PDB file of N, CA and C in Angstrom:
ATOM      1  N   MET A   1       0.813  -1.207   0.000  1.00  0.00           N
ATOM      2  CA  MET A   1       0.000   0.000   0.000  1.00  0.00           C
ATOM      3  C   MET A   1       0.851   1.264   0.000  1.00  0.00           C
ATOM      4  N   ALA A   2       2.058   1.184   0.504  1.00  0.00           N
ATOM      5  CA  ALA A   2       2.932   2.363   0.553  1.00  0.00           C
ATOM      6  C   ALA A   2       3.187   2.918  -0.839  1.00  0.00           C
ATOM      7  N   ALA A   3       3.408   2.050  -1.813  1.00  0.00           N
ATOM      8  CA  ALA A   3       3.664   2.513  -3.177  1.00  0.00           C
ATOM      9  C   ALA A   3       2.445   3.225  -3.738  1.00  0.00           C
ATOM     10  N   LYS A   4       1.259   2.701  -3.444  1.00  0.00           N
ATOM     11  CA  LYS A   4       0.051   3.334  -3.967  1.00  0.00           C
ATOM     12  C   LYS A   4      -0.140   4.717  -3.368  1.00  0.00           C
ATOM     13  N   ARG A   5       0.182   4.869  -2.097  1.00  0.00           N
ATOM     14  CA  ARG A   5       0.117   6.198  -1.489  1.00  0.00           C
ATOM     15  C   ARG A   5       1.177   7.105  -2.118  1.00  0.00           C
ATOM     16  N   ARG A   6       2.356   6.550  -2.355  1.00  0.00           N
ATOM     17  CA  ARG A   6       3.440   7.342  -2.927  1.00  0.00           C
ATOM     18  C   ARG A   6       3.059   7.859  -4.305  1.00  0.00           C
ATOM     19  N   THR A   7       2.407   7.028  -5.131  1.00  0.00           N
ATOM     20  CA  THR A   7       2.072   7.472  -6.479  1.00  0.00           C
ATOM     21  C   THR A   7       0.955   8.496  -6.481  1.00  0.00           C
ATOM     22  N   ASN A   8       0.216   8.632  -5.375  1.00  0.00           N
ATOM     23  CA  ASN A   8      -0.779   9.698  -5.321  1.00  0.00           C
ATOM     24  C   ASN A   8      -0.120  11.048  -5.553  1.00  0.00           C
ATOM     25  N   TRP A   9       1.093  11.246  -5.027  1.00  0.00           N
ATOM     26  CA  TRP A   9       1.754  12.529  -5.259  1.00  0.00           C
ATOM     27  C   TRP A   9       2.166  12.677  -6.710  1.00  0.00           C
ATOM     28  N   LEU A  10       2.458  11.559  -7.381  1.00  0.00           N
ATOM     29  CA  LEU A  10       2.771  11.627  -8.809  1.00  0.00           C
ATOM     30  C   LEU A  10       1.540  12.091  -9.581  1.00  0.00           C
ATOM     31  N   THR A  11       0.402  11.489  -9.285  1.00  0.00           N
ATOM     32  CA  THR A  11      -0.843  11.893  -9.927  1.00  0.00           C
ATOM     33  C   THR A  11      -1.164  13.342  -9.590  1.00  0.00           C
ATOM     34  N   GLU A  12      -0.959  13.717  -8.340  1.00  0.00           N
ATOM     35  CA  GLU A  12      -1.214  15.094  -7.918  1.00  0.00           C
ATOM     36  C   GLU A  12      -0.304  16.077  -8.663  1.00  0.00           C
ATOM     37  N   GLU A  13       0.947  15.707  -8.829  1.00  0.00           N
ATOM     38  CA  GLU A  13       1.884  16.596  -9.532  1.00  0.00           C
ATOM     39  C   GLU A  13       1.399  16.865 -10.953  1.00  0.00           C
ATOM     40  N   ILE A  14       1.008  15.824 -11.658  1.00  0.00           N
ATOM     41  CA  ILE A  14       0.533  15.978 -13.033  1.00  0.00           C
ATOM     42  C   ILE A  14      -0.801  16.726 -13.061  1.00  0.00           C
ATOM     43  N   ALA A  15      -1.706  16.358 -12.167  1.00  0.00           N
ATOM     44  CA  ALA A  15      -3.012  17.023 -12.119  1.00  0.00           C
ATOM     45  C   ALA A  15      -2.858  18.515 -11.833  1.00  0.00           C
ATOM     46  N   ASN A  16      -1.982  18.855 -10.902  1.00  0.00           N
ATOM     47  CA  ASN A  16      -1.756  20.270 -10.585  1.00  0.00           C
ATOM     48  C   ASN A  16      -1.193  21.020 -11.784  1.00  0.00           C
ATOM     49  N   PHE A  17      -0.272  20.386 -12.494  1.00  0.00           N
ATOM     50  CA  PHE A  17       0.297  21.018 -13.680  1.00  0.00           C
ATOM     51  C   PHE A  17      -0.784  21.242 -14.732  1.00  0.00           C
ATOM     52  N   LEU A  18      -1.563  20.215 -15.031  1.00  0.00           N
ATOM     53  CA  LEU A  18      -2.598  20.335 -16.058  1.00  0.00           C
ATOM     54  C   LEU A  18      -3.707  21.306 -15.629  1.00  0.00           C
ATOM     55  N   ALA A  19      -4.027  21.329 -14.353  1.00  0.00           N
ATOM     56  CA  ALA A  19      -5.072  22.227 -13.852  1.00  0.00           C
ATOM     57  C   ALA A  19      -4.644  23.694 -13.889  1.00  0.00           C
ATOM     58  N   SER A  20      -3.353  23.931 -14.011  1.00  0.00           N
ATOM     59  CA  SER A  20      -2.867  25.310 -14.078  1.00  0.00           C
ATOM     60  C   SER A  20      -3.091  25.916 -15.470  1.00  0.00           C
ATOM     61  N   CYS A  21      -3.714  25.151 -16.369  1.00  0.00           N
ATOM     62  CA  CYS A  21      -3.976  25.590 -17.741  1.00  0.00           C
ATOM     63  C   CYS A  21      -2.688  26.038 -18.436  1.00  0.00           C
ATOM     64  N   PRO A  22      -1.728  25.116 -18.517  1.00  0.00           N
ATOM     65  CA  PRO A  22      -0.450  25.480 -19.122  1.00  0.00           C
ATOM     66  C   PRO A  22      -0.617  25.836 -20.596  1.00  0.00           C
ATOM     67  N   SER A  23       0.251  26.705 -21.063  1.00  0.00           N
ATOM     68  CA  SER A  23       0.252  27.064 -22.479  1.00  0.00           C
ATOM     69  C   SER A  23       0.811  25.889 -23.281  1.00  0.00           C
ATOM     70  N   ARG A  24       0.667  25.952 -24.565  1.00  0.00           N
ATOM     71  CA  ARG A  24       1.223  24.933 -25.454  1.00  0.00           C
ATOM     72  C   ARG A  24       2.722  24.778 -25.211  1.00  0.00           C
ATOM     73  N   GLU A  25       3.422  25.894 -25.073  1.00  0.00           N
ATOM     74  CA  GLU A  25       4.868  25.853 -24.843  1.00  0.00           C
ATOM     75  C   GLU A  25       5.207  25.198 -23.509  1.00  0.00           C
ATOM     76  N   GLN A  26       4.416  25.494 -22.494  1.00  0.00           N
ATOM     77  CA  GLN A  26       4.647  24.878 -21.185  1.00  0.00           C
ATOM     78  C   GLN A  26       4.396  23.373 -21.231  1.00  0.00           C
ATOM     79  N   LEU A  27       3.370  22.962 -21.951  1.00  0.00           N
ATOM     80  CA  LEU A  27       3.104  21.530 -22.100  1.00  0.00           C
ATOM     81  C   LEU A  27       4.262  20.842 -22.829  1.00  0.00           C
ATOM     82  N   LEU A  28       4.711  21.457 -23.894  1.00  0.00           N
ATOM     83  CA  LEU A  28       5.786  20.850 -24.678  1.00  0.00           C
ATOM     84  C   LEU A  28       7.110  20.794 -23.920  1.00  0.00           C
ATOM     85  N   SER A  29       7.327  21.727 -23.024  1.00  0.00           N
ATOM     86  CA  SER A  29       8.601  21.743 -22.289  1.00  0.00           C
ATOM     87  C   SER A  29       8.487  21.098 -20.909  1.00  0.00           C
ATOM     88  N   TYR A  30       7.333  20.529 -20.583  1.00  0.00           N
ATOM     89  CA  TYR A  30       7.134  19.944 -19.261  1.00  0.00           C
ATOM     90  C   TYR A  30       8.107  18.804 -18.987  1.00  0.00           C
ATOM     91  N   HIS A  31       8.653  18.834 -17.788  1.00  0.00           N
ATOM     92  CA  HIS A  31       9.464  17.732 -17.256  1.00  0.00           C
ATOM     93  C   HIS A  31       9.024  17.522 -15.816  1.00  0.00           C
ATOM     94  N   PRO A  32       8.999  16.267 -15.372  1.00  0.00           N
ATOM     95  CA  PRO A  32       8.636  16.019 -13.976  1.00  0.00           C
ATOM     96  C   PRO A  32       9.624  16.708 -13.035  1.00  0.00           C
ATOM     97  N   SER A  33       9.194  16.900 -11.810  1.00  0.00           N
ATOM     98  CA  SER A  33      10.072  17.515 -10.810  1.00  0.00           C
ATOM     99  C   SER A  33      11.300  16.635 -10.586  1.00  0.00           C
ATOM    100  N   VAL A  34      12.328  17.220 -10.030  1.00  0.00           N
ATOM    101  CA  VAL A  34      13.564  16.475  -9.762  1.00  0.00           C
ATOM    102  C   VAL A  34      13.305  15.261  -8.865  1.00  0.00           C
ATOM    103  N   PRO A  35      12.539  15.398  -7.764  1.00  0.00           N
ATOM    104  CA  PRO A  35      12.281  14.200  -6.949  1.00  0.00           C
ATOM    105  C   PRO A  35      11.556  13.097  -7.731  1.00  0.00           C
ATOM    106  N   THR A  36      10.655  13.482  -8.624  1.00  0.00           N
ATOM    107  CA  THR A  36       9.945  12.494  -9.433  1.00  0.00           C
ATOM    108  C   THR A  36      10.910  11.801 -10.381  1.00  0.00           C
ATOM    109  N   GLN A  37      11.782  12.565 -11.007  1.00  0.00           N
ATOM    110  CA  GLN A  37      12.779  11.978 -11.909  1.00  0.00           C
ATOM    111  C   GLN A  37      13.700  11.024 -11.152  1.00  0.00           C
ATOM    112  N   GLU A  38      14.128  11.439  -9.965  1.00  0.00           N
ATOM    113  CA  GLU A  38      15.015  10.592  -9.169  1.00  0.00           C
ATOM    114  C   GLU A  38      14.330   9.293  -8.774  1.00  0.00           C
ATOM    115  N   ARG A  39      13.059   9.373  -8.374  1.00  0.00           N
ATOM    116  CA  ARG A  39      12.327   8.167  -7.994  1.00  0.00           C
ATOM    117  C   ARG A  39      12.160   7.239  -9.194  1.00  0.00           C
ATOM    118  N   GLY A  40      11.882   7.805 -10.339  1.00  0.00           N
ATOM    119  CA  GLY A  40      11.759   7.003 -11.553  1.00  0.00           C
ATOM    120  C   GLY A  40      13.049   6.272 -11.880  1.00  0.00           C
ATOM    121  N   ARG A  41      14.177   6.967 -11.762  1.00  0.00           N
ATOM    122  CA  ARG A  41      15.481   6.334 -12.018  1.00  0.00           C
ATOM    123  C   ARG A  41      15.752   5.219 -11.017  1.00  0.00           C
ATOM    124  N   GLU A  42      15.404   5.468  -9.757  1.00  0.00           N
ATOM    125  CA  GLU A  42      15.599   4.467  -8.707  1.00  0.00           C
ATOM    126  C   GLU A  42      14.798   3.198  -9.017  1.00  0.00           C
ATOM    127  N   LEU A  43      13.554   3.378  -9.416  1.00  0.00           N
ATOM    128  CA  LEU A  43      12.718   2.226  -9.733  1.00  0.00           C
ATOM    129  C   LEU A  43      13.221   1.483 -10.964  1.00  0.00           C
ATOM    130  N   LEU A  44      13.683   2.213 -11.960  1.00  0.00           N
ATOM    131  CA  LEU A  44      14.234   1.561 -13.150  1.00  0.00           C
ATOM    132  C   LEU A  44      15.470   0.746 -12.810  1.00  0.00           C
ATOM    133  N   GLU A  45      16.334   1.307 -11.964  1.00  0.00           N
ATOM    134  CA  GLU A  45      17.527   0.579 -11.524  1.00  0.00           C
ATOM    135  C   GLU A  45      17.149  -0.712 -10.819  1.00  0.00           C
ATOM    136  N   LYS A  46      16.190  -0.625  -9.909  1.00  0.00           N
ATOM    137  CA  LYS A  46      15.740  -1.814  -9.177  1.00  0.00           C
ATOM    138  C   LYS A  46      15.149  -2.844 -10.125  1.00  0.00           C
ATOM    139  N   SER A  47      14.416  -2.379 -11.104  1.00  0.00           N
ATOM    140  CA  SER A  47      13.803  -3.289 -12.065  1.00  0.00           C
ATOM    141  C   SER A  47      14.871  -4.005 -12.889  1.00  0.00           C
ATOM    142  N   LYS A  48      15.848  -3.246 -13.360  1.00  0.00           N
ATOM    143  CA  LYS A  48      16.925  -3.826 -14.169  1.00  0.00           C
ATOM    144  C   LYS A  48      17.749  -4.835 -13.391  1.00  0.00           C
ATOM    145  N   SER A  49      17.909  -4.590 -12.102  1.00  0.00           N
ATOM    146  CA  SER A  49      18.730  -5.494 -11.286  1.00  0.00           C
ATOM    147  C   SER A  49      17.915  -6.649 -10.697  1.00  0.00           C
ATOM    148  N   GLY A  50      16.603  -6.639 -10.928  1.00  0.00           N
ATOM    149  CA  GLY A  50      15.759  -7.706 -10.417  1.00  0.00           C
ATOM    150  C   GLY A  50      15.440  -7.589  -8.938  1.00  0.00           C
ATOM    151  N   ARG A  51      15.668  -6.417  -8.349  1.00  0.00           N
ATOM    152  CA  ARG A  51      15.430  -6.218  -6.915  1.00  0.00           C
ATOM    153  C   ARG A  51      14.140  -5.440  -6.635  1.00  0.00           C
ATOM    154  N   ILE A  52      13.256  -5.376  -7.596  1.00  0.00           N
ATOM    155  CA  ILE A  52      12.052  -4.558  -7.428  1.00  0.00           C
ATOM    156  C   ILE A  52      10.937  -5.377  -6.763  1.00  0.00           C
ATOM    157  N   THR A  53      10.256  -4.749  -5.816  1.00  0.00           N
ATOM    158  CA  THR A  53       9.132  -5.415  -5.142  1.00  0.00           C
ATOM    159  C   THR A  53       7.876  -5.267  -6.002  1.00  0.00           C
ATOM    160  N   ALA A  54       6.840  -5.995  -5.646  1.00  0.00           N
ATOM    161  CA  ALA A  54       5.568  -5.906  -6.373  1.00  0.00           C
ATOM    162  C   ALA A  54       4.990  -4.489  -6.276  1.00  0.00           C
ATOM    163  N   ASP A  55       5.057  -3.884  -5.086  1.00  0.00           N
ATOM    164  CA  ASP A  55       4.559  -2.509  -4.921  1.00  0.00           C
ATOM    165  C   ASP A  55       5.367  -1.526  -5.761  1.00  0.00           C
ATOM    166  N   GLU A  56       6.677  -1.713  -5.781  1.00  0.00           N
ATOM    167  CA  GLU A  56       7.531  -0.826  -6.582  1.00  0.00           C
ATOM    168  C   GLU A  56       7.264  -1.019  -8.069  1.00  0.00           C
ATOM    169  N   GLN A  57       6.999  -2.243  -8.481  1.00  0.00           N
ATOM    170  CA  GLN A  57       6.678  -2.490  -9.894  1.00  0.00           C
ATOM    171  C   GLN A  57       5.380  -1.786 -10.259  1.00  0.00           C
ATOM    172  N   TRP A  58       4.406  -1.842  -9.351  1.00  0.00           N
ATOM    173  CA  TRP A  58       3.148  -1.135  -9.581  1.00  0.00           C
ATOM    174  C   TRP A  58       3.419   0.366  -9.729  1.00  0.00           C
ATOM    175  N   GLU A  59       4.279   0.878  -8.859  1.00  0.00           N
ATOM    176  CA  GLU A  59       4.620   2.305  -8.913  1.00  0.00           C
ATOM    177  C   GLU A  59       5.316   2.641 -10.230  1.00  0.00           C
ATOM    178  N   LEU A  60       6.245   1.798 -10.660  1.00  0.00           N
ATOM    179  CA  LEU A  60       6.939   2.009 -11.929  1.00  0.00           C
ATOM    180  C   LEU A  60       5.936   1.988 -13.083  1.00  0.00           C
ATOM    181  N   ASP A  61       4.983   1.096 -13.018  1.00  0.00           N
ATOM    182  CA  ASP A  61       3.940   1.052 -14.049  1.00  0.00           C
ATOM    183  C   ASP A  61       3.181   2.370 -14.107  1.00  0.00           C
ATOM    184  N   GLN A  62       2.904   2.967 -12.950  1.00  0.00           N
ATOM    185  CA  GLN A  62       2.209   4.254 -12.911  1.00  0.00           C
ATOM    186  C   GLN A  62       3.058   5.346 -13.564  1.00  0.00           C
ATOM    187  N   PHE A  63       4.356   5.327 -13.295  1.00  0.00           N
ATOM    188  CA  PHE A  63       5.265   6.278 -13.945  1.00  0.00           C
ATOM    189  C   PHE A  63       5.188   6.119 -15.462  1.00  0.00           C
ATOM    190  N   GLU A  64       5.195   4.877 -15.916  1.00  0.00           N
ATOM    191  CA  GLU A  64       5.174   4.616 -17.355  1.00  0.00           C
ATOM    192  C   GLU A  64       3.869   5.094 -17.980  1.00  0.00           C
ATOM    193  N   HIS A  65       2.752   4.908 -17.290  1.00  0.00           N
ATOM    194  CA  HIS A  65       1.467   5.376 -17.814  1.00  0.00           C
ATOM    195  C   HIS A  65       1.455   6.905 -17.926  1.00  0.00           C
ATOM    196  N   VAL A  66       1.950   7.575 -16.903  1.00  0.00           N
ATOM    197  CA  VAL A  66       2.007   9.040 -16.928  1.00  0.00           C
ATOM    198  C   VAL A  66       2.920   9.507 -18.055  1.00  0.00           C
ATOM    199  N   GLU A  67       4.055   8.850 -18.218  1.00  0.00           N
ATOM    200  CA  GLU A  67       4.995   9.216 -19.282  1.00  0.00           C
ATOM    201  C   GLU A  67       4.351   9.042 -20.656  1.00  0.00           C
ATOM    202  N   MET A  68       3.644   7.939 -20.848  1.00  0.00           N
ATOM    203  CA  MET A  68       2.974   7.718 -22.136  1.00  0.00           C
ATOM    204  C   MET A  68       1.919   8.778 -22.396  1.00  0.00           C
ATOM    205  N   LEU A  69       1.155   9.141 -21.367  1.00  0.00           N
ATOM    206  CA  LEU A  69       0.144  10.176 -21.520  1.00  0.00           C
ATOM    207  C   LEU A  69       0.779  11.499 -21.941  1.00  0.00           C
ATOM    208  N   MET A  70       1.836  11.891 -21.257  1.00  0.00           N
ATOM    209  CA  MET A  70       2.482  13.169 -21.580  1.00  0.00           C
ATOM    210  C   MET A  70       3.109  13.131 -22.978  1.00  0.00           C
ATOM    211  N   GLN A  71       3.665  11.998 -23.376  1.00  0.00           N
ATOM    212  CA  GLN A  71       4.223  11.880 -24.730  1.00  0.00           C
ATOM    213  C   GLN A  71       3.129  12.018 -25.785  1.00  0.00           C
ATOM    214  N   LEU A  72       1.967  11.412 -25.532  1.00  0.00           N
ATOM    215  CA  LEU A  72       0.846  11.544 -26.472  1.00  0.00           C
ATOM    216  C   LEU A  72       0.372  12.989 -26.578  1.00  0.00           C
ATOM    217  N   ILE A  73       0.250  13.649 -25.441  1.00  0.00           N
ATOM    218  CA  ILE A  73      -0.172  15.057 -25.446  1.00  0.00           C
ATOM    219  C   ILE A  73       0.819  15.890 -26.248  1.00  0.00           C
ATOM    220  N   LYS A  74       2.098  15.713 -25.990  1.00  0.00           N
ATOM    221  CA  LYS A  74       3.128  16.483 -26.699  1.00  0.00           C
ATOM    222  C   LYS A  74       3.127  16.174 -28.190  1.00  0.00           C
ATOM    223  N   ALA A  75       2.967  14.909 -28.551  1.00  0.00           N
ATOM    224  CA  ALA A  75       2.939  14.527 -29.968  1.00  0.00           C
ATOM    225  C   ALA A  75       1.766  15.195 -30.683  1.00  0.00           C
ATOM    226  N   ARG A  76       0.617  15.202 -30.042  1.00  0.00           N
ATOM    227  CA  ARG A  76      -0.554  15.818 -30.668  1.00  0.00           C
ATOM    228  C   ARG A  76      -0.388  17.320 -30.804  1.00  0.00           C
ATOM    229  N   LEU A  77       0.237  17.934 -29.829  1.00  0.00           N
ATOM    230  CA  LEU A  77       0.493  19.373 -29.928  1.00  0.00           C
ATOM    231  C   LEU A  77       1.463  19.675 -31.064  1.00  0.00           C
ATOM    232  N   ARG A  78       2.459  18.830 -31.236  1.00  0.00           N
ATOM    233  CA  ARG A  78       3.423  19.045 -32.332  1.00  0.00           C
ATOM    234  C   ARG A  78       2.751  18.870 -33.690  1.00  0.00           C
ATOM    235  N   VAL A  79       1.906  17.846 -33.831  1.00  0.00           N
ATOM    236  CA  VAL A  79       1.197  17.617 -35.078  1.00  0.00           C
ATOM    237  C   VAL A  79       0.266  18.793 -35.375  1.00  0.00           C
ATOM    238  N   GLU A  80      -0.414  19.253 -34.349  1.00  0.00           N
ATOM    239  CA  GLU A  80      -1.322  20.386 -34.504  1.00  0.00           C
ATOM    240  C   GLU A  80      -0.566  21.614 -35.004  1.00  0.00           C
ATOM    241  N   LYS A  81       0.627  21.820 -34.515  1.00  0.00           N
ATOM    242  CA  LYS A  81       1.438  22.975 -34.930  1.00  0.00           C
ATOM    243  C   LYS A  81       1.822  22.843 -36.397  1.00  0.00           C
ATOM    244  N   VAL A  82       2.187  21.640 -36.831  1.00  0.00           N
ATOM    245  CA  VAL A  82       2.572  21.407 -38.227  1.00  0.00           C
ATOM    246  C   VAL A  82       1.374  21.622 -39.139  1.00  0.00           C
ATOM    247  N   VAL A  83       0.216  21.144 -38.742  1.00  0.00           N
ATOM    248  CA  VAL A  83      -0.997  21.271 -39.546  1.00  0.00           C
ATOM    249  C   VAL A  83      -1.364  22.740 -39.716  1.00  0.00           C
ATOM    250  N   ARG A  84      -1.181  23.522 -38.664  1.00  0.00           N
ATOM    251  CA  ARG A  84      -1.506  24.958 -38.727  1.00  0.00           C
ATOM    252  C   ARG A  84      -0.553  25.717 -39.646  1.00  0.00           C
ATOM    253  N   SER A  85       0.686  25.261 -39.752  1.00  0.00           N
ATOM    254  CA  SER A  85       1.710  25.988 -40.528  1.00  0.00           C
ATOM    255  C   SER A  85       1.446  25.958 -42.012  1.00  0.00           C
TER     256      SER A  85
END
């Protein structure tokens, strides 16, 4: 359960960013906070070394879902910009 509580802050971080009505440029330049990036690297290291727990794997999966969502948003914004040009 600790991992699920921990990922609530990940969801909150993204929700707060999106709720701030970021501009197109802000969306395209978005990067997770330093603590979020560090946690993601830590989980990837554990996964690669085979030392990841089930809760940590769940947390890593949440990171991956958020990353995919942000990549899709950015891709669509880039396509939209090309179409407008």
